[in-house]
Amino acid sequence: MLTSEVERSLVEQIGKEGFSSNLYLAMASWAESEGYPGISAWFYAQSEEEHGHMLKIVHYVIDRGGKAIIPAFEKPPVAWEGVHDVFVRVLLHEQSVSRSINDILGVCFREGDYATSQWLQWFVSEQIEEESSVRAILDRLKLLGDGSLYDFDKDILAMRSAGVE
């Protein structure tokens, strides 16, 4: 059984994961309309992944006897200044999600919910991977400089397949 504070924190995270999914969907739409099919495909895949994270939390809350309330999601931005800008925003967003997961862990420790804190370790590892992959993308963009994004757009899906998600 979840304490009310742990349940509240997890329900808040459901909203954050849902927003993440919508944010990446908006980024995918933007990239596709800007003519970046590879970047767009990367963001569509990220959107689906975040949706999966949301569902994982929903099922956990229900399995532990809680009520997984799905909140309204804030509307994400619809445009960015360019490819570099969009990925800088992704890194900042993933860092905020990491802080949120850490905050939930703090609630779990205060509430003595060691089962949920153990379960959350998967999300901790996932966030380390997410931040690392976006940093790798930003490093590639830095190497590219003001050059053509054509090869980068083709390569981004290969980066995802190679584990640099």
C-alpha atoms as a PDB file:
ATOM      1  CA  MET A   1       0.000   0.000   0.000  1.00  0.00           C
ATOM      2  CA  LEU A   2       1.282   3.431  -0.930  1.00  0.00           C
ATOM      3  CA  THR A   3       1.247   6.274   1.567  1.00  0.00           C
ATOM      4  CA  SER A   4      -0.711   9.320   0.441  1.00  0.00           C
ATOM      5  CA  GLU A   5       2.515  11.319  -0.052  1.00  0.00           C
ATOM      6  CA  VAL A   6       4.162   8.647  -2.205  1.00  0.00           C
ATOM      7  CA  GLU A   7       0.954   8.232  -4.216  1.00  0.00           C
ATOM      8  CA  ARG A   8       0.685  12.022  -4.701  1.00  0.00           C
ATOM      9  CA  SER A   9       4.295  12.174  -5.895  1.00  0.00           C
ATOM     10  CA  LEU A  10       3.801   9.315  -8.341  1.00  0.00           C
ATOM     11  CA  VAL A  11       0.579  10.842  -9.708  1.00  0.00           C
ATOM     12  CA  GLU A  12       2.465  14.116 -10.258  1.00  0.00           C
ATOM     13  CA  GLN A  13       5.104  12.141 -12.142  1.00  0.00           C
ATOM     14  CA  ILE A  14       2.394  10.602 -14.334  1.00  0.00           C
ATOM     15  CA  GLY A  15       1.617  14.160 -15.430  1.00  0.00           C
ATOM     16  CA  LYS A  16       5.274  14.938 -16.040  1.00  0.00           C
ATOM     17  CA  GLU A  17       5.780  11.804 -18.142  1.00  0.00           C
ATOM     18  CA  GLY A  18       2.626  12.594 -20.125  1.00  0.00           C
ATOM     19  CA  PHE A  19       3.886  16.117 -20.732  1.00  0.00           C
ATOM     20  CA  SER A  20       7.246  14.684 -21.824  1.00  0.00           C
ATOM     21  CA  SER A  21       5.497  12.476 -24.355  1.00  0.00           C
ATOM     22  CA  ASN A  22       3.538  15.448 -25.710  1.00  0.00           C
ATOM     23  CA  LEU A  23       6.643  17.658 -25.726  1.00  0.00           C
ATOM     24  CA  TYR A  24       8.562  15.151 -27.836  1.00  0.00           C
ATOM     25  CA  LEU A  25       5.552  14.699 -30.100  1.00  0.00           C
ATOM     26  CA  ALA A  26       5.504  18.483 -30.634  1.00  0.00           C
ATOM     27  CA  MET A  27       9.243  18.421 -31.324  1.00  0.00           C
ATOM     28  CA  ALA A  28       8.756  15.567 -33.797  1.00  0.00           C
ATOM     29  CA  SER A  29       6.052  17.502 -35.607  1.00  0.00           C
ATOM     30  CA  TRP A  30       8.249  20.599 -35.724  1.00  0.00           C
ATOM     31  CA  ALA A  31      11.246  18.629 -37.036  1.00  0.00           C
ATOM     32  CA  GLU A  32       9.159  16.892 -39.665  1.00  0.00           C
ATOM     33  CA  SER A  33       7.690  20.188 -40.881  1.00  0.00           C
ATOM     34  CA  GLU A  34      11.218  21.660 -40.993  1.00  0.00           C
ATOM     35  CA  GLY A  35      12.376  18.823 -43.280  1.00  0.00           C
ATOM     36  CA  TYR A  36      14.317  16.684 -40.788  1.00  0.00           C
ATOM     37  CA  PRO A  37      12.866  13.178 -41.147  1.00  0.00           C
ATOM     38  CA  GLY A  38      15.592  11.519 -39.064  1.00  0.00           C
ATOM     39  CA  ILE A  39      15.321  13.974 -36.189  1.00  0.00           C
ATOM     40  CA  SER A  40      11.550  13.716 -36.422  1.00  0.00           C
ATOM     41  CA  ALA A  41      11.670   9.907 -36.218  1.00  0.00           C
ATOM     42  CA  TRP A  42      13.970  10.176 -33.182  1.00  0.00           C
ATOM     43  CA  PHE A  43      11.476  12.446 -31.426  1.00  0.00           C
ATOM     44  CA  TYR A  44       8.500  10.248 -32.346  1.00  0.00           C
ATOM     45  CA  ALA A  45      10.329   7.293 -30.773  1.00  0.00           C
ATOM     46  CA  GLN A  46      11.130   9.381 -27.686  1.00  0.00           C
ATOM     47  CA  SER A  47       7.478  10.371 -27.411  1.00  0.00           C
ATOM     48  CA  GLU A  48       6.413   6.725 -27.416  1.00  0.00           C
ATOM     49  CA  GLU A  49       9.080   5.899 -24.839  1.00  0.00           C
ATOM     50  CA  GLU A  50       7.852   8.631 -22.492  1.00  0.00           C
ATOM     51  CA  HIS A  51       4.281   7.434 -22.948  1.00  0.00           C
ATOM     52  CA  GLY A  52       5.502   3.997 -21.874  1.00  0.00           C
ATOM     53  CA  HIS A  53       7.100   5.515 -18.767  1.00  0.00           C
ATOM     54  CA  MET A  54       3.793   7.150 -17.901  1.00  0.00           C
ATOM     55  CA  LEU A  55       1.958   3.838 -18.258  1.00  0.00           C
ATOM     56  CA  LYS A  56       4.577   2.079 -16.131  1.00  0.00           C
ATOM     57  CA  ILE A  57       3.837   4.480 -13.276  1.00  0.00           C
ATOM     58  CA  VAL A  58       0.063   4.216 -13.804  1.00  0.00           C
ATOM     59  CA  HIS A  59       0.212   0.429 -13.493  1.00  0.00           C
ATOM     60  CA  TYR A  60       2.496   0.587 -10.457  1.00  0.00           C
ATOM     61  CA  VAL A  61       0.194   2.972  -8.582  1.00  0.00           C
ATOM     62  CA  ILE A  62      -2.807   0.749  -9.309  1.00  0.00           C
ATOM     63  CA  ASP A  63      -0.898  -2.437  -8.417  1.00  0.00           C
ATOM     64  CA  ARG A  64      -0.022  -0.882  -5.051  1.00  0.00           C
ATOM     65  CA  GLY A  65      -3.649  -0.028  -4.285  1.00  0.00           C
ATOM     66  CA  GLY A  66      -3.571   3.621  -5.302  1.00  0.00           C
ATOM     67  CA  LYS A  67      -5.559   5.721  -7.748  1.00  0.00           C
ATOM     68  CA  ALA A  68      -3.607   6.643 -10.866  1.00  0.00           C
ATOM     69  CA  ILE A  69      -5.301   9.894 -11.775  1.00  0.00           C
ATOM     70  CA  ILE A  70      -4.391  11.177 -15.227  1.00  0.00           C
ATOM     71  CA  PRO A  71      -4.103  14.968 -15.180  1.00  0.00           C
ATOM     72  CA  ALA A  72      -4.499  17.405 -18.034  1.00  0.00           C
ATOM     73  CA  PHE A  73      -1.159  18.027 -19.680  1.00  0.00           C
ATOM     74  CA  GLU A  74       0.255  21.481 -20.227  1.00  0.00           C
ATOM     75  CA  LYS A  75       0.477  22.425 -23.903  1.00  0.00           C
ATOM     76  CA  PRO A  76       4.084  22.131 -25.092  1.00  0.00           C
ATOM     77  CA  PRO A  77       5.810  24.751 -27.227  1.00  0.00           C
ATOM     78  CA  VAL A  78       5.317  24.375 -30.969  1.00  0.00           C
ATOM     79  CA  ALA A  79       8.477  25.934 -32.419  1.00  0.00           C
ATOM     80  CA  TRP A  80      12.174  26.176 -31.678  1.00  0.00           C
ATOM     81  CA  GLU A  81      14.988  28.323 -33.029  1.00  0.00           C
ATOM     82  CA  GLY A  82      16.730  25.403 -34.682  1.00  0.00           C
ATOM     83  CA  VAL A  83      18.066  21.904 -34.215  1.00  0.00           C
ATOM     84  CA  HIS A  84      20.649  22.889 -31.601  1.00  0.00           C
ATOM     85  CA  ASP A  85      18.039  24.825 -29.627  1.00  0.00           C
ATOM     86  CA  VAL A  86      15.583  21.933 -29.607  1.00  0.00           C
ATOM     87  CA  PHE A  87      18.206  19.523 -28.230  1.00  0.00           C
ATOM     88  CA  VAL A  88      19.367  22.020 -25.593  1.00  0.00           C
ATOM     89  CA  ARG A  89      15.725  22.181 -24.508  1.00  0.00           C
ATOM     90  CA  VAL A  90      15.581  18.373 -24.418  1.00  0.00           C
ATOM     91  CA  LEU A  91      18.611  18.213 -22.115  1.00  0.00           C
ATOM     92  CA  LEU A  92      17.128  20.824 -19.788  1.00  0.00           C
ATOM     93  CA  HIS A  93      13.834  18.939 -19.766  1.00  0.00           C
ATOM     94  CA  GLU A  94      15.479  15.579 -19.026  1.00  0.00           C
ATOM     95  CA  GLN A  95      17.451  17.164 -16.192  1.00  0.00           C
ATOM     96  CA  SER A  96      14.192  18.422 -14.686  1.00  0.00           C
ATOM     97  CA  VAL A  97      12.693  14.927 -14.966  1.00  0.00           C
ATOM     98  CA  SER A  98      15.776  13.527 -13.211  1.00  0.00           C
ATOM     99  CA  ARG A  99      15.305  16.010 -10.365  1.00  0.00           C
ATOM    100  CA  SER A 100      11.656  15.000 -10.129  1.00  0.00           C
ATOM    101  CA  ILE A 101      12.531  11.291  -9.859  1.00  0.00           C
ATOM    102  CA  ASN A 102      15.087  12.142  -7.166  1.00  0.00           C
ATOM    103  CA  ASP A 103      12.433  14.140  -5.307  1.00  0.00           C
ATOM    104  CA  ILE A 104      10.097  11.127  -5.355  1.00  0.00           C
ATOM    105  CA  LEU A 105      12.910   8.999  -3.954  1.00  0.00           C
ATOM    106  CA  GLY A 106      13.269  11.507  -1.128  1.00  0.00           C
ATOM    107  CA  VAL A 107       9.553  11.169  -0.364  1.00  0.00           C
ATOM    108  CA  CYS A 108       9.879   7.381  -0.396  1.00  0.00           C
ATOM    109  CA  PHE A 109      12.756   7.465   2.078  1.00  0.00           C
ATOM    110  CA  ARG A 110      10.913   9.874   4.389  1.00  0.00           C
ATOM    111  CA  GLU A 111       7.816   7.676   4.227  1.00  0.00           C
ATOM    112  CA  GLY A 112       9.778   4.433   4.670  1.00  0.00           C
ATOM    113  CA  ASP A 113       8.543   3.071   1.308  1.00  0.00           C
ATOM    114  CA  TYR A 114      11.591   1.058   0.350  1.00  0.00           C
ATOM    115  CA  ALA A 115       9.697  -1.057  -2.184  1.00  0.00           C
ATOM    116  CA  THR A 116       8.829   2.011  -4.257  1.00  0.00           C
ATOM    117  CA  SER A 117      12.325   3.424  -3.870  1.00  0.00           C
ATOM    118  CA  GLN A 118      13.708   0.138  -5.201  1.00  0.00           C
ATOM    119  CA  TRP A 119      11.196   0.171  -8.067  1.00  0.00           C
ATOM    120  CA  LEU A 120      12.208   3.746  -8.947  1.00  0.00           C
ATOM    121  CA  GLN A 121      15.828   2.704  -9.509  1.00  0.00           C
ATOM    122  CA  TRP A 122      14.830   1.702 -13.050  1.00  0.00           C
ATOM    123  CA  PHE A 123      13.810   5.343 -13.673  1.00  0.00           C
ATOM    124  CA  VAL A 124      17.053   6.615 -12.134  1.00  0.00           C
ATOM    125  CA  SER A 125      19.054   4.467 -14.581  1.00  0.00           C
ATOM    126  CA  GLU A 126      16.794   5.502 -17.445  1.00  0.00           C
ATOM    127  CA  GLN A 127      17.362   9.190 -16.688  1.00  0.00           C
ATOM    128  CA  ILE A 128      21.138   8.729 -16.615  1.00  0.00           C
ATOM    129  CA  GLU A 129      20.863   7.133 -20.057  1.00  0.00           C
ATOM    130  CA  GLU A 130      18.517   9.854 -21.369  1.00  0.00           C
ATOM    131  CA  GLU A 131      20.770  12.712 -20.287  1.00  0.00           C
ATOM    132  CA  SER A 132      23.868  10.966 -21.634  1.00  0.00           C
ATOM    133  CA  SER A 133      22.298  10.342 -25.031  1.00  0.00           C
ATOM    134  CA  VAL A 134      21.206  13.961 -25.415  1.00  0.00           C
ATOM    135  CA  ARG A 135      24.684  15.153 -24.415  1.00  0.00           C
ATOM    136  CA  ALA A 136      26.105  12.867 -27.132  1.00  0.00           C
ATOM    137  CA  ILE A 137      23.746  14.447 -29.660  1.00  0.00           C
ATOM    138  CA  LEU A 138      24.749  17.947 -28.550  1.00  0.00           C
ATOM    139  CA  ASP A 139      28.420  16.934 -28.845  1.00  0.00           C
ATOM    140  CA  ARG A 140      27.798  15.821 -32.439  1.00  0.00           C
ATOM    141  CA  LEU A 141      26.028  19.080 -33.197  1.00  0.00           C
ATOM    142  CA  LYS A 142      28.961  21.000 -31.689  1.00  0.00           C
ATOM    143  CA  LEU A 143      31.372  19.126 -33.974  1.00  0.00           C
ATOM    144  CA  LEU A 144      29.141  19.925 -36.917  1.00  0.00           C
ATOM    145  CA  GLY A 145      29.266  23.639 -36.165  1.00  0.00           C
ATOM    146  CA  ASP A 146      27.486  25.620 -38.817  1.00  0.00           C
ATOM    147  CA  GLY A 147      27.815  22.802 -41.331  1.00  0.00           C
ATOM    148  CA  SER A 148      25.097  20.871 -43.074  1.00  0.00           C
ATOM    149  CA  LEU A 149      22.545  19.047 -40.963  1.00  0.00           C
ATOM    150  CA  TYR A 150      21.858  16.552 -43.761  1.00  0.00           C
ATOM    151  CA  ASP A 151      24.278  13.879 -42.528  1.00  0.00           C
ATOM    152  CA  PHE A 152      23.334  14.488 -38.903  1.00  0.00           C
ATOM    153  CA  ASP A 153      19.674  14.014 -39.760  1.00  0.00           C
ATOM    154  CA  LYS A 154      20.509  10.666 -41.400  1.00  0.00           C
ATOM    155  CA  ASP A 155      22.812   9.584 -38.554  1.00  0.00           C
ATOM    156  CA  ILE A 156      20.552  10.342 -35.589  1.00  0.00           C
ATOM    157  CA  LEU A 157      18.558   7.148 -36.047  1.00  0.00           C
ATOM    158  CA  ALA A 158      21.764   5.129 -36.218  1.00  0.00           C
ATOM    159  CA  MET A 159      22.779   6.761 -32.919  1.00  0.00           C
ATOM    160  CA  ARG A 160      19.518   5.546 -31.372  1.00  0.00           C
ATOM    161  CA  SER A 161      20.072   2.008 -32.678  1.00  0.00           C
ATOM    162  CA  ALA A 162      23.613   1.993 -31.331  1.00  0.00           C
ATOM    163  CA  GLY A 163      22.394   2.721 -27.808  1.00  0.00           C
ATOM    164  CA  VAL A 164      22.979   6.464 -27.894  1.00  0.00           C
ATOM    165  CA  GLU A 165      19.283   7.118 -27.377  1.00  0.00           C
END
